[in-house]
Amino acid sequence: MKIIITGAAGFIGMHSAKFLLERGEEVIGVDIIDNYYDTKLKLARIKKLKEFKKFTFYKVDIVNKDAISKIFLKIKPRKVIHLAAQAGVRYSIENPDKYIQSNLIGFSNILENCRNFKIEHLVYGSSSSVYGANKLTPFSEDHSTDCPLSLYAATKKSNELMAHAYSHLYKIPSTGLRFFTVYGPWGRPDMALFKFSKNILNKKPIDVFNNGKMDRDFTYIDDITEGIIKILDKPATSFDNKNKLKFNRSFGNAPYRIFNIGNGHPVSLIKYIKTLEKLLGVKAIVNFMEMQKGDVKSTNADNSALEEWVGFKPSTTINKGIKNFVDWYKDYYFN
């Protein structure tokens, strides 16, 4: 099976591609490899994927409609995992145009090609940030997502709406996955675990927002990847919506779904840091700060919809997940 993965040089994209390659699929990776963070890390991820004979890589920007269309025409994929996006809540406040270009125009180009080439299933990355100002926990797919607190969150909510329109109009099976604070080996340097590890080992202060009074549903990368692939293998149909499933609202006649993927066991930021200190063997120098714009105090995923649909829910503990990251980090940067 030929599967296109956009954002293949990214954290989740690389792991998803590796999973599919290991089970024998043909994966076509697409990524612009921009300089939002260290391109050396992105290139190292692609190098790992190129060890597989069934991996092909295209250095292309999804905003380039003609270039993306040529790839679809040449490859004629059966399924698409769309993970290419401008990430980061705080960065969206400083660079809004990048989010409009990549997350809206780029996503539109992917949808158009899925329509033109009659893709069997489009799975795309959304975010827990769409829950915004919602105070009900754990977050359920049926909760309101009408009050995003950042442009990044607004673009992810827009992706869900755009995908529904295409699913309804053209019967494209599409599934959006709301990721909850993903971490693990090969992670993003702009995420807390990566930044904390670097500063702690270099005996530099770490910035802890809202004076540490925050909880996050930290979700290990292997759980995220397994969820993505299980969902990829089971697209929704219009018939599924006519037989109203107990875990989700009806999506009309669209072969469309939205799922949370989170650990389901929020951890306080302070506990997270203490676990990291123990595994690194170094005490952190903490710089407590006020809450940043666009941020939320707590996240918590209700995974019951995901579990009922594919019989899976994330289960990796913080201790195991952080240990795996620390082992990778030391090996990558010091060996």
C-alpha atoms as a PDB file:
ATOM      1  CA  MET A   1       0.000   0.000   0.000  1.00  0.00           C
ATOM      2  CA  LYS A   2       1.331   3.445  -0.931  1.00  0.00           C
ATOM      3  CA  ILE A   3       0.854   5.960   1.878  1.00  0.00           C
ATOM      4  CA  ILE A   4       1.856   9.624   1.799  1.00  0.00           C
ATOM      5  CA  ILE A   5       2.952  11.134   5.112  1.00  0.00           C
ATOM      6  CA  THR A   6       3.338  14.891   5.168  1.00  0.00           C
ATOM      7  CA  GLY A   7       5.608  16.271   7.884  1.00  0.00           C
ATOM      8  CA  ALA A   8       7.699  13.090   7.634  1.00  0.00           C
ATOM      9  CA  ALA A   9      10.773  14.866   9.024  1.00  0.00           C
ATOM     10  CA  GLY A  10       8.779  15.885  12.069  1.00  0.00           C
ATOM     11  CA  PHE A  11       8.532  14.138  15.423  1.00  0.00           C
ATOM     12  CA  ILE A  12       5.216  12.311  14.967  1.00  0.00           C
ATOM     13  CA  GLY A  13       5.676  11.975  11.206  1.00  0.00           C
ATOM     14  CA  MET A  14       8.990  10.155  11.529  1.00  0.00           C
ATOM     15  CA  HIS A  15       7.623   7.665  14.072  1.00  0.00           C
ATOM     16  CA  SER A  16       4.470   7.032  12.028  1.00  0.00           C
ATOM     17  CA  ALA A  17       6.504   6.428   8.877  1.00  0.00           C
ATOM     18  CA  LYS A  18       8.823   4.026  10.703  1.00  0.00           C
ATOM     19  CA  PHE A  19       5.875   2.040  12.069  1.00  0.00           C
ATOM     20  CA  LEU A  20       4.364   1.607   8.607  1.00  0.00           C
ATOM     21  CA  LEU A  21       7.698   0.773   6.972  1.00  0.00           C
ATOM     22  CA  GLU A  22       8.367  -1.898   9.578  1.00  0.00           C
ATOM     23  CA  ARG A  23       5.116  -3.624   8.671  1.00  0.00           C
ATOM     24  CA  GLY A  24       6.008  -3.530   4.983  1.00  0.00           C
ATOM     25  CA  GLU A  25       4.072  -0.555   3.600  1.00  0.00           C
ATOM     26  CA  GLU A  26       5.471   1.805   0.974  1.00  0.00           C
ATOM     27  CA  VAL A  27       5.793   5.270   2.511  1.00  0.00           C
ATOM     28  CA  ILE A  28       6.272   8.524   0.625  1.00  0.00           C
ATOM     29  CA  GLY A  29       7.490  11.261   2.955  1.00  0.00           C
ATOM     30  CA  VAL A  30       6.906  14.955   2.250  1.00  0.00           C
ATOM     31  CA  ASP A  31       8.463  17.789   4.266  1.00  0.00           C
ATOM     32  CA  ILE A  32       9.846  21.280   3.635  1.00  0.00           C
ATOM     33  CA  ILE A  33      12.418  20.908   6.481  1.00  0.00           C
ATOM     34  CA  ASP A  34      12.099  24.541   7.545  1.00  0.00           C
ATOM     35  CA  ASN A  35      14.166  26.160  10.270  1.00  0.00           C
ATOM     36  CA  TYR A  36      11.457  26.470  12.949  1.00  0.00           C
ATOM     37  CA  TYR A  37      13.856  24.300  14.958  1.00  0.00           C
ATOM     38  CA  ASP A  38      17.203  22.576  14.343  1.00  0.00           C
ATOM     39  CA  THR A  39      17.166  21.192  10.779  1.00  0.00           C
ATOM     40  CA  LYS A  40      19.964  18.761  11.718  1.00  0.00           C
ATOM     41  CA  LEU A  41      17.485  16.851  13.876  1.00  0.00           C
ATOM     42  CA  LYS A  42      14.942  16.770  11.054  1.00  0.00           C
ATOM     43  CA  LEU A  43      17.542  15.505   8.596  1.00  0.00           C
ATOM     44  CA  ALA A  44      18.660  12.861  11.093  1.00  0.00           C
ATOM     45  CA  ARG A  45      15.078  11.591  11.283  1.00  0.00           C
ATOM     46  CA  ILE A  46      14.897  11.346   7.483  1.00  0.00           C
ATOM     47  CA  LYS A  47      18.237   9.544   7.446  1.00  0.00           C
ATOM     48  CA  LYS A  48      16.755   6.902   9.772  1.00  0.00           C
ATOM     49  CA  LEU A  49      13.780   6.446   7.455  1.00  0.00           C
ATOM     50  CA  LYS A  50      15.983   6.144   4.388  1.00  0.00           C
ATOM     51  CA  GLU A  51      17.383   2.931   5.866  1.00  0.00           C
ATOM     52  CA  PHE A  52      14.144   1.343   4.596  1.00  0.00           C
ATOM     53  CA  LYS A  53      13.995   0.459   0.891  1.00  0.00           C
ATOM     54  CA  LYS A  54      10.298   1.311   0.670  1.00  0.00           C
ATOM     55  CA  PHE A  55      10.754   4.918   1.778  1.00  0.00           C
ATOM     56  CA  THR A  56      10.859   7.805  -0.694  1.00  0.00           C
ATOM     57  CA  PHE A  57      11.320  11.428   0.337  1.00  0.00           C
ATOM     58  CA  TYR A  58      10.275  14.680  -1.353  1.00  0.00           C
ATOM     59  CA  LYS A  59      11.511  18.021  -0.005  1.00  0.00           C
ATOM     60  CA  VAL A  60       8.400  20.019  -0.844  1.00  0.00           C
ATOM     61  CA  ASP A  61       6.301  22.689   0.857  1.00  0.00           C
ATOM     62  CA  ILE A  62       2.623  21.715   1.141  1.00  0.00           C
ATOM     63  CA  VAL A  63       1.773  25.351   0.367  1.00  0.00           C
ATOM     64  CA  ASN A  64       3.107  24.727  -3.167  1.00  0.00           C
ATOM     65  CA  LYS A  65      -0.071  23.407  -4.759  1.00  0.00           C
ATOM     66  CA  ASP A  66       1.484  22.372  -8.074  1.00  0.00           C
ATOM     67  CA  ALA A  67       4.361  20.509  -6.443  1.00  0.00           C
ATOM     68  CA  ILE A  68       2.021  18.604  -4.117  1.00  0.00           C
ATOM     69  CA  SER A  69      -0.302  17.716  -6.985  1.00  0.00           C
ATOM     70  CA  LYS A  70       2.625  16.323  -9.003  1.00  0.00           C
ATOM     71  CA  ILE A  71       3.558  14.030  -6.119  1.00  0.00           C
ATOM     72  CA  PHE A  72      -0.003  12.716  -5.838  1.00  0.00           C
ATOM     73  CA  LEU A  73      -0.153  12.214  -9.620  1.00  0.00           C
ATOM     74  CA  LYS A  74       3.113  10.301  -9.679  1.00  0.00           C
ATOM     75  CA  ILE A  75       2.543   8.198  -6.554  1.00  0.00           C
ATOM     76  CA  LYS A  76      -1.224   7.646  -6.691  1.00  0.00           C
ATOM     77  CA  PRO A  77      -1.420   6.872  -2.950  1.00  0.00           C
ATOM     78  CA  ARG A  78      -4.276   4.983  -1.342  1.00  0.00           C
ATOM     79  CA  LYS A  79      -4.081   6.735   2.030  1.00  0.00           C
ATOM     80  CA  VAL A  80      -2.668   9.961   3.464  1.00  0.00           C
ATOM     81  CA  ILE A  81      -1.433  10.857   6.947  1.00  0.00           C
ATOM     82  CA  HIS A  82      -1.235  14.641   7.075  1.00  0.00           C
ATOM     83  CA  LEU A  83       1.005  15.874   9.882  1.00  0.00           C
ATOM     84  CA  ALA A  84       2.777  18.802   8.211  1.00  0.00           C
ATOM     85  CA  ALA A  85       1.834  21.996  10.034  1.00  0.00           C
ATOM     86  CA  GLN A  86       3.297  25.001  11.746  1.00  0.00           C
ATOM     87  CA  ALA A  87       3.294  23.926  15.382  1.00  0.00           C
ATOM     88  CA  GLY A  88       3.464  25.866  18.629  1.00  0.00           C
ATOM     89  CA  VAL A  89       0.926  27.920  20.557  1.00  0.00           C
ATOM     90  CA  ARG A  90       3.291  30.715  21.613  1.00  0.00           C
ATOM     91  CA  TYR A  91       4.996  31.008  18.226  1.00  0.00           C
ATOM     92  CA  SER A  92       1.607  31.671  16.586  1.00  0.00           C
ATOM     93  CA  ILE A  93       1.334  34.942  18.491  1.00  0.00           C
ATOM     94  CA  GLU A  94       4.610  36.180  16.974  1.00  0.00           C
ATOM     95  CA  ASN A  95       4.307  34.715  13.456  1.00  0.00           C
ATOM     96  CA  PRO A  96       0.626  34.409  12.518  1.00  0.00           C
ATOM     97  CA  ASP A  97       1.223  34.383   8.755  1.00  0.00           C
ATOM     98  CA  LYS A  98       3.135  31.088   8.898  1.00  0.00           C
ATOM     99  CA  TYR A  99       0.086  29.434  10.466  1.00  0.00           C
ATOM    100  CA  ILE A 100      -2.283  30.787   7.830  1.00  0.00           C
ATOM    101  CA  GLN A 101      -0.003  29.568   5.042  1.00  0.00           C
ATOM    102  CA  SER A 102       0.874  26.104   6.324  1.00  0.00           C
ATOM    103  CA  ASN A 103      -2.121  25.154   8.431  1.00  0.00           C
ATOM    104  CA  LEU A 104      -4.887  26.560   6.232  1.00  0.00           C
ATOM    105  CA  ILE A 105      -3.632  26.937   2.664  1.00  0.00           C
ATOM    106  CA  GLY A 106      -1.397  23.870   2.946  1.00  0.00           C
ATOM    107  CA  PHE A 107      -4.241  21.803   4.385  1.00  0.00           C
ATOM    108  CA  SER A 108      -6.536  22.980   1.601  1.00  0.00           C
ATOM    109  CA  ASN A 109      -4.025  21.673  -0.954  1.00  0.00           C
ATOM    110  CA  ILE A 110      -4.001  18.271   0.737  1.00  0.00           C
ATOM    111  CA  LEU A 111      -7.805  18.116   0.782  1.00  0.00           C
ATOM    112  CA  GLU A 112      -8.019  18.991  -2.910  1.00  0.00           C
ATOM    113  CA  ASN A 113      -5.614  16.221  -3.829  1.00  0.00           C
ATOM    114  CA  CYS A 114      -7.472  13.742  -1.633  1.00  0.00           C
ATOM    115  CA  ARG A 115     -10.608  14.668  -3.584  1.00  0.00           C
ATOM    116  CA  ASN A 116      -8.968  14.485  -7.007  1.00  0.00           C
ATOM    117  CA  PHE A 117      -7.269  11.140  -6.376  1.00  0.00           C
ATOM    118  CA  LYS A 118     -10.121   9.498  -4.448  1.00  0.00           C
ATOM    119  CA  ILE A 119      -8.054   8.762  -1.340  1.00  0.00           C
ATOM    120  CA  GLU A 120      -9.355   5.843   0.755  1.00  0.00           C
ATOM    121  CA  HIS A 121      -8.627   7.565   4.073  1.00  0.00           C
ATOM    122  CA  LEU A 122      -7.172  10.880   5.191  1.00  0.00           C
ATOM    123  CA  VAL A 123      -5.894  10.966   8.770  1.00  0.00           C
ATOM    124  CA  TYR A 124      -4.715  14.391   9.951  1.00  0.00           C
ATOM    125  CA  GLY A 125      -3.286  15.884  13.106  1.00  0.00           C
ATOM    126  CA  SER A 126      -5.425  18.184  15.201  1.00  0.00           C
ATOM    127  CA  SER A 127      -4.668  19.283  18.759  1.00  0.00           C
ATOM    128  CA  SER A 128      -5.978  19.352  22.310  1.00  0.00           C
ATOM    129  CA  SER A 129      -5.554  23.130  22.056  1.00  0.00           C
ATOM    130  CA  VAL A 130      -8.899  23.303  20.201  1.00  0.00           C
ATOM    131  CA  TYR A 131     -10.623  22.901  23.587  1.00  0.00           C
ATOM    132  CA  GLY A 132      -9.373  26.384  24.475  1.00  0.00           C
ATOM    133  CA  ALA A 133     -11.349  27.942  27.301  1.00  0.00           C
ATOM    134  CA  ASN A 134     -13.372  24.776  27.947  1.00  0.00           C
ATOM    135  CA  LYS A 135     -13.409  24.090  31.702  1.00  0.00           C
ATOM    136  CA  LEU A 136     -15.080  20.657  31.588  1.00  0.00           C
ATOM    137  CA  THR A 137     -12.649  17.788  32.194  1.00  0.00           C
ATOM    138  CA  PRO A 138     -11.752  15.320  30.954  1.00  0.00           C
ATOM    139  CA  PHE A 139     -12.055  16.855  27.490  1.00  0.00           C
ATOM    140  CA  SER A 140     -14.569  14.968  25.349  1.00  0.00           C
ATOM    141  CA  GLU A 141     -14.993  15.204  21.589  1.00  0.00           C
ATOM    142  CA  ASP A 142     -18.550  16.389  22.265  1.00  0.00           C
ATOM    143  CA  HIS A 143     -17.398  19.421  24.267  1.00  0.00           C
ATOM    144  CA  SER A 144     -17.474  22.889  22.759  1.00  0.00           C
ATOM    145  CA  THR A 145     -14.405  23.946  20.789  1.00  0.00           C
ATOM    146  CA  ASP A 146     -15.749  27.375  19.863  1.00  0.00           C
ATOM    147  CA  CYS A 147     -13.356  29.435  22.009  1.00  0.00           C
ATOM    148  CA  PRO A 148      -9.728  28.865  20.885  1.00  0.00           C
ATOM    149  CA  LEU A 149      -7.141  30.814  22.862  1.00  0.00           C
ATOM    150  CA  SER A 150      -4.482  31.011  20.138  1.00  0.00           C
ATOM    151  CA  LEU A 151      -4.270  31.287  16.366  1.00  0.00           C
ATOM    152  CA  TYR A 152      -2.659  27.842  16.304  1.00  0.00           C
ATOM    153  CA  ALA A 153      -5.738  26.368  18.003  1.00  0.00           C
ATOM    154  CA  ALA A 154      -8.014  28.279  15.635  1.00  0.00           C
ATOM    155  CA  THR A 155      -6.245  26.823  12.589  1.00  0.00           C
ATOM    156  CA  LYS A 156      -6.565  23.282  13.971  1.00  0.00           C
ATOM    157  CA  LYS A 157     -10.277  23.782  14.594  1.00  0.00           C
ATOM    158  CA  SER A 158     -10.526  25.137  11.045  1.00  0.00           C
ATOM    159  CA  ASN A 159      -8.860  21.966   9.740  1.00  0.00           C
ATOM    160  CA  GLU A 160     -11.561  19.861  11.377  1.00  0.00           C
ATOM    161  CA  LEU A 161     -14.305  21.961   9.781  1.00  0.00           C
ATOM    162  CA  MET A 162     -12.637  21.935   6.353  1.00  0.00           C
ATOM    163  CA  ALA A 163     -12.197  18.165   6.492  1.00  0.00           C
ATOM    164  CA  HIS A 164     -15.850  17.690   7.397  1.00  0.00           C
ATOM    165  CA  ALA A 165     -16.954  19.769   4.419  1.00  0.00           C
ATOM    166  CA  TYR A 166     -14.845  17.669   2.038  1.00  0.00           C
ATOM    167  CA  SER A 167     -16.023  14.443   3.651  1.00  0.00           C
ATOM    168  CA  HIS A 168     -19.631  15.531   3.251  1.00  0.00           C
ATOM    169  CA  LEU A 169     -19.322  16.850  -0.306  1.00  0.00           C
ATOM    170  CA  TYR A 170     -17.005  14.264  -1.810  1.00  0.00           C
ATOM    171  CA  LYS A 171     -17.375  11.283   0.563  1.00  0.00           C
ATOM    172  CA  ILE A 172     -13.677  11.339   1.486  1.00  0.00           C
ATOM    173  CA  PRO A 173     -13.189   9.261   4.652  1.00  0.00           C
ATOM    174  CA  SER A 174     -11.313  11.570   7.015  1.00  0.00           C
ATOM    175  CA  THR A 175     -10.323  11.370  10.674  1.00  0.00           C
ATOM    176  CA  GLY A 176      -8.903  14.154  12.819  1.00  0.00           C
ATOM    177  CA  LEU A 177      -6.787  13.251  15.842  1.00  0.00           C
ATOM    178  CA  ARG A 178      -6.540  15.660  18.754  1.00  0.00           C
ATOM    179  CA  PHE A 179      -3.054  15.037  20.147  1.00  0.00           C
ATOM    180  CA  PHE A 180      -2.341  15.754  23.817  1.00  0.00           C
ATOM    181  CA  THR A 181       1.221  16.971  24.663  1.00  0.00           C
ATOM    182  CA  VAL A 182       3.292  14.395  22.805  1.00  0.00           C
ATOM    183  CA  TYR A 183       6.789  13.556  24.105  1.00  0.00           C
ATOM    184  CA  GLY A 184       9.494  10.927  23.678  1.00  0.00           C
ATOM    185  CA  PRO A 185      12.675  10.078  21.712  1.00  0.00           C
ATOM    186  CA  TRP A 186      13.336  12.243  18.634  1.00  0.00           C
ATOM    187  CA  GLY A 187      11.001  14.885  20.102  1.00  0.00           C
ATOM    188  CA  ARG A 188      10.715  18.563  19.218  1.00  0.00           C
ATOM    189  CA  PRO A 189      13.340  20.892  20.769  1.00  0.00           C
ATOM    190  CA  ASP A 190      10.673  23.562  21.397  1.00  0.00           C
ATOM    191  CA  MET A 191       8.732  21.259  23.734  1.00  0.00           C
ATOM    192  CA  ALA A 192       9.161  21.378  27.517  1.00  0.00           C
ATOM    193  CA  LEU A 193      10.872  18.009  28.027  1.00  0.00           C
ATOM    194  CA  PHE A 194      13.542  18.765  25.440  1.00  0.00           C
ATOM    195  CA  LYS A 195      14.197  22.299  26.706  1.00  0.00           C
ATOM    196  CA  PHE A 196      14.178  21.214  30.347  1.00  0.00           C
ATOM    197  CA  SER A 197      16.662  18.395  29.722  1.00  0.00           C
ATOM    198  CA  LYS A 198      19.046  20.641  27.835  1.00  0.00           C
ATOM    199  CA  ASN A 199      19.040  23.376  30.474  1.00  0.00           C
ATOM    200  CA  ILE A 200      19.168  21.046  33.470  1.00  0.00           C
ATOM    201  CA  LEU A 201      22.191  19.187  32.090  1.00  0.00           C
ATOM    202  CA  ASN A 202      23.875  22.516  31.307  1.00  0.00           C
ATOM    203  CA  LYS A 203      22.993  23.839  34.783  1.00  0.00           C
ATOM    204  CA  LYS A 204      20.909  26.659  33.335  1.00  0.00           C
ATOM    205  CA  PRO A 205      17.495  27.799  34.672  1.00  0.00           C
ATOM    206  CA  ILE A 206      14.294  26.347  33.248  1.00  0.00           C
ATOM    207  CA  ASP A 207      11.265  28.599  32.761  1.00  0.00           C
ATOM    208  CA  VAL A 208       8.185  27.191  34.506  1.00  0.00           C
ATOM    209  CA  PHE A 209       5.002  29.065  33.668  1.00  0.00           C
ATOM    210  CA  ASN A 210       2.058  29.843  35.941  1.00  0.00           C
ATOM    211  CA  ASN A 211       4.433  29.221  38.862  1.00  0.00           C
ATOM    212  CA  GLY A 212       4.269  25.503  38.087  1.00  0.00           C
ATOM    213  CA  LYS A 213       0.525  25.296  38.771  1.00  0.00           C
ATOM    214  CA  MET A 214      -0.253  23.440  35.563  1.00  0.00           C
ATOM    215  CA  ASP A 215      -1.314  19.915  34.645  1.00  0.00           C
ATOM    216  CA  ARG A 216      -0.701  18.247  31.308  1.00  0.00           C
ATOM    217  CA  ASP A 217      -1.916  15.037  29.742  1.00  0.00           C
ATOM    218  CA  PHE A 218       1.546  13.969  28.588  1.00  0.00           C
ATOM    219  CA  THR A 219       1.249  11.281  25.892  1.00  0.00           C
ATOM    220  CA  TYR A 220       4.146   9.054  24.851  1.00  0.00           C
ATOM    221  CA  ILE A 221       5.041   8.958  21.169  1.00  0.00           C
ATOM    222  CA  ASP A 222       4.621   5.172  20.763  1.00  0.00           C
ATOM    223  CA  ASP A 223       1.047   5.448  22.020  1.00  0.00           C
ATOM    224  CA  ILE A 224       0.373   8.277  19.587  1.00  0.00           C
ATOM    225  CA  THR A 225       1.850   6.305  16.686  1.00  0.00           C
ATOM    226  CA  GLU A 226      -0.084   3.136  17.478  1.00  0.00           C
ATOM    227  CA  GLY A 227      -3.288   5.155  17.687  1.00  0.00           C
ATOM    228  CA  ILE A 228      -2.634   6.825  14.334  1.00  0.00           C
ATOM    229  CA  ILE A 229      -2.065   3.528  12.534  1.00  0.00           C
ATOM    230  CA  LYS A 230      -5.056   1.779  14.125  1.00  0.00           C
ATOM    231  CA  ILE A 231      -7.222   4.699  13.036  1.00  0.00           C
ATOM    232  CA  LEU A 232      -5.665   4.696   9.551  1.00  0.00           C
ATOM    233  CA  ASP A 233      -6.706   1.060   9.176  1.00  0.00           C
ATOM    234  CA  LYS A 234     -10.334   1.796  10.103  1.00  0.00           C
ATOM    235  CA  PRO A 235     -11.925   4.698   8.216  1.00  0.00           C
ATOM    236  CA  ALA A 236     -15.484   5.694   9.017  1.00  0.00           C
ATOM    237  CA  THR A 237     -18.354   5.328   6.542  1.00  0.00           C
ATOM    238  CA  SER A 238     -21.594   7.245   6.166  1.00  0.00           C
ATOM    239  CA  PHE A 239     -23.377   4.123   7.429  1.00  0.00           C
ATOM    240  CA  ASP A 240     -21.528   4.396  10.749  1.00  0.00           C
ATOM    241  CA  ASN A 241     -23.126   7.802  11.329  1.00  0.00           C
ATOM    242  CA  LYS A 242     -26.643   6.599  10.542  1.00  0.00           C
ATOM    243  CA  ASN A 243     -26.253   4.035  13.306  1.00  0.00           C
ATOM    244  CA  LYS A 244     -25.482   6.601  15.986  1.00  0.00           C
ATOM    245  CA  LEU A 245     -22.584   5.370  18.045  1.00  0.00           C
ATOM    246  CA  LYS A 246     -22.905   6.010  21.750  1.00  0.00           C
ATOM    247  CA  PHE A 247     -19.501   7.665  21.992  1.00  0.00           C
ATOM    248  CA  ASN A 248     -19.879  10.425  19.403  1.00  0.00           C
ATOM    249  CA  ARG A 249     -22.374  12.807  17.888  1.00  0.00           C
ATOM    250  CA  SER A 250     -23.674  12.217  14.394  1.00  0.00           C
ATOM    251  CA  PHE A 251     -21.679  13.767  11.554  1.00  0.00           C
ATOM    252  CA  GLY A 252     -24.546  13.640   9.082  1.00  0.00           C
ATOM    253  CA  ASN A 253     -23.776  11.698   5.925  1.00  0.00           C
ATOM    254  CA  ALA A 254     -20.031  12.352   6.084  1.00  0.00           C
ATOM    255  CA  PRO A 255     -17.560   9.469   6.558  1.00  0.00           C
ATOM    256  CA  TYR A 256     -15.883  11.554   9.229  1.00  0.00           C
ATOM    257  CA  ARG A 257     -14.558  11.178  12.761  1.00  0.00           C
ATOM    258  CA  ILE A 258     -12.721  13.160  15.452  1.00  0.00           C
ATOM    259  CA  PHE A 259     -10.810  11.430  18.258  1.00  0.00           C
ATOM    260  CA  ASN A 260      -8.754  12.440  21.279  1.00  0.00           C
ATOM    261  CA  ILE A 261      -5.420  10.694  21.734  1.00  0.00           C
ATOM    262  CA  GLY A 262      -4.099  11.383  25.201  1.00  0.00           C
ATOM    263  CA  ASN A 263      -2.754   9.390  28.127  1.00  0.00           C
ATOM    264  CA  GLY A 264      -5.856  10.152  30.167  1.00  0.00           C
ATOM    265  CA  HIS A 265      -3.844  10.648  33.378  1.00  0.00           C
ATOM    266  CA  PRO A 266      -2.762  14.304  33.730  1.00  0.00           C
ATOM    267  CA  VAL A 267       0.458  14.974  35.607  1.00  0.00           C
ATOM    268  CA  SER A 268       1.412  18.179  37.394  1.00  0.00           C
ATOM    269  CA  LEU A 269       4.250  20.118  35.812  1.00  0.00           C
ATOM    270  CA  ILE A 270       6.166  19.981  39.106  1.00  0.00           C
ATOM    271  CA  LYS A 271       5.923  16.174  39.244  1.00  0.00           C
ATOM    272  CA  TYR A 272       7.039  16.019  35.619  1.00  0.00           C
ATOM    273  CA  ILE A 273      10.135  18.089  36.440  1.00  0.00           C
ATOM    274  CA  LYS A 274      10.949  16.031  39.551  1.00  0.00           C
ATOM    275  CA  THR A 275      10.757  12.813  37.514  1.00  0.00           C
ATOM    276  CA  LEU A 276      13.106  14.310  34.952  1.00  0.00           C
ATOM    277  CA  GLU A 277      15.537  15.487  37.670  1.00  0.00           C
ATOM    278  CA  LYS A 278      15.664  11.969  39.105  1.00  0.00           C
ATOM    279  CA  LEU A 279      16.346  10.342  35.745  1.00  0.00           C
ATOM    280  CA  LEU A 280      18.964  12.918  34.745  1.00  0.00           C
ATOM    281  CA  GLY A 281      20.572  12.848  38.184  1.00  0.00           C
ATOM    282  CA  VAL A 282      20.696  16.637  38.261  1.00  0.00           C
ATOM    283  CA  LYS A 283      18.667  19.185  40.245  1.00  0.00           C
ATOM    284  CA  ALA A 284      16.865  21.810  38.160  1.00  0.00           C
ATOM    285  CA  ILE A 285      17.281  25.551  38.646  1.00  0.00           C
ATOM    286  CA  VAL A 286      13.689  26.742  38.370  1.00  0.00           C
ATOM    287  CA  ASN A 287      12.628  30.177  37.148  1.00  0.00           C
ATOM    288  CA  PHE A 288       8.932  30.527  38.006  1.00  0.00           C
ATOM    289  CA  MET A 289       6.975  32.768  35.639  1.00  0.00           C
ATOM    290  CA  GLU A 290       3.421  33.955  34.992  1.00  0.00           C
ATOM    291  CA  MET A 291       1.067  32.164  32.606  1.00  0.00           C
ATOM    292  CA  GLN A 292       1.821  32.887  28.951  1.00  0.00           C
ATOM    293  CA  LYS A 293      -0.752  34.199  26.488  1.00  0.00           C
ATOM    294  CA  GLY A 294      -2.643  31.492  24.662  1.00  0.00           C
ATOM    295  CA  ASP A 295      -1.764  28.814  27.213  1.00  0.00           C
ATOM    296  CA  VAL A 296      -4.197  26.742  29.298  1.00  0.00           C
ATOM    297  CA  LYS A 297      -3.835  25.571  32.885  1.00  0.00           C
ATOM    298  CA  SER A 298      -4.839  21.939  32.435  1.00  0.00           C
ATOM    299  CA  THR A 299      -5.481  19.295  29.777  1.00  0.00           C
ATOM    300  CA  ASN A 300      -7.064  15.877  30.208  1.00  0.00           C
ATOM    301  CA  ALA A 301      -8.213  13.504  27.456  1.00  0.00           C
ATOM    302  CA  ASP A 302     -11.318  11.350  27.485  1.00  0.00           C
ATOM    303  CA  ASN A 303     -10.210   8.408  25.314  1.00  0.00           C
ATOM    304  CA  SER A 304     -13.440   6.402  25.434  1.00  0.00           C
ATOM    305  CA  ALA A 305     -14.320   7.182  21.799  1.00  0.00           C
ATOM    306  CA  LEU A 306     -10.926   6.030  20.569  1.00  0.00           C
ATOM    307  CA  GLU A 307     -11.057   2.897  22.692  1.00  0.00           C
ATOM    308  CA  GLU A 308     -14.508   1.947  21.469  1.00  0.00           C
ATOM    309  CA  TRP A 309     -13.642   2.566  17.818  1.00  0.00           C
ATOM    310  CA  VAL A 310     -10.310   0.683  17.597  1.00  0.00           C
ATOM    311  CA  GLY A 311      -9.942  -1.043  20.989  1.00  0.00           C
ATOM    312  CA  PHE A 312      -6.918   1.000  22.013  1.00  0.00           C
ATOM    313  CA  LYS A 313      -5.981   3.637  24.567  1.00  0.00           C
ATOM    314  CA  PRO A 314      -2.552   5.065  25.506  1.00  0.00           C
ATOM    315  CA  SER A 315      -0.992   3.508  28.589  1.00  0.00           C
ATOM    316  CA  THR A 316       2.727   4.412  28.801  1.00  0.00           C
ATOM    317  CA  THR A 317       3.602   5.816  32.236  1.00  0.00           C
ATOM    318  CA  ILE A 318       5.507   9.064  32.732  1.00  0.00           C
ATOM    319  CA  ASN A 319       8.422   7.228  34.379  1.00  0.00           C
ATOM    320  CA  LYS A 320       8.876   4.885  31.428  1.00  0.00           C
ATOM    321  CA  GLY A 321       8.313   7.574  28.807  1.00  0.00           C
ATOM    322  CA  ILE A 322      10.735  10.093  30.301  1.00  0.00           C
ATOM    323  CA  LYS A 323      13.361   7.386  30.874  1.00  0.00           C
ATOM    324  CA  ASN A 324      13.175   6.405  27.202  1.00  0.00           C
ATOM    325  CA  PHE A 325      13.566  10.052  26.213  1.00  0.00           C
ATOM    326  CA  VAL A 326      16.526  10.619  28.541  1.00  0.00           C
ATOM    327  CA  ASP A 327      18.265   7.491  27.231  1.00  0.00           C
ATOM    328  CA  TRP A 328      17.762   8.672  23.644  1.00  0.00           C
ATOM    329  CA  TYR A 329      18.805  12.268  24.443  1.00  0.00           C
ATOM    330  CA  LYS A 330      22.087  11.221  26.037  1.00  0.00           C
ATOM    331  CA  ASP A 331      22.849   8.807  23.199  1.00  0.00           C
ATOM    332  CA  TYR A 332      22.018  11.337  20.466  1.00  0.00           C
ATOM    333  CA  TYR A 333      23.872  14.313  21.928  1.00  0.00           C
ATOM    334  CA  PHE A 334      26.722  12.745  23.900  1.00  0.00           C
ATOM    335  CA  ASN A 335      27.680   9.531  22.055  1.00  0.00           C
END
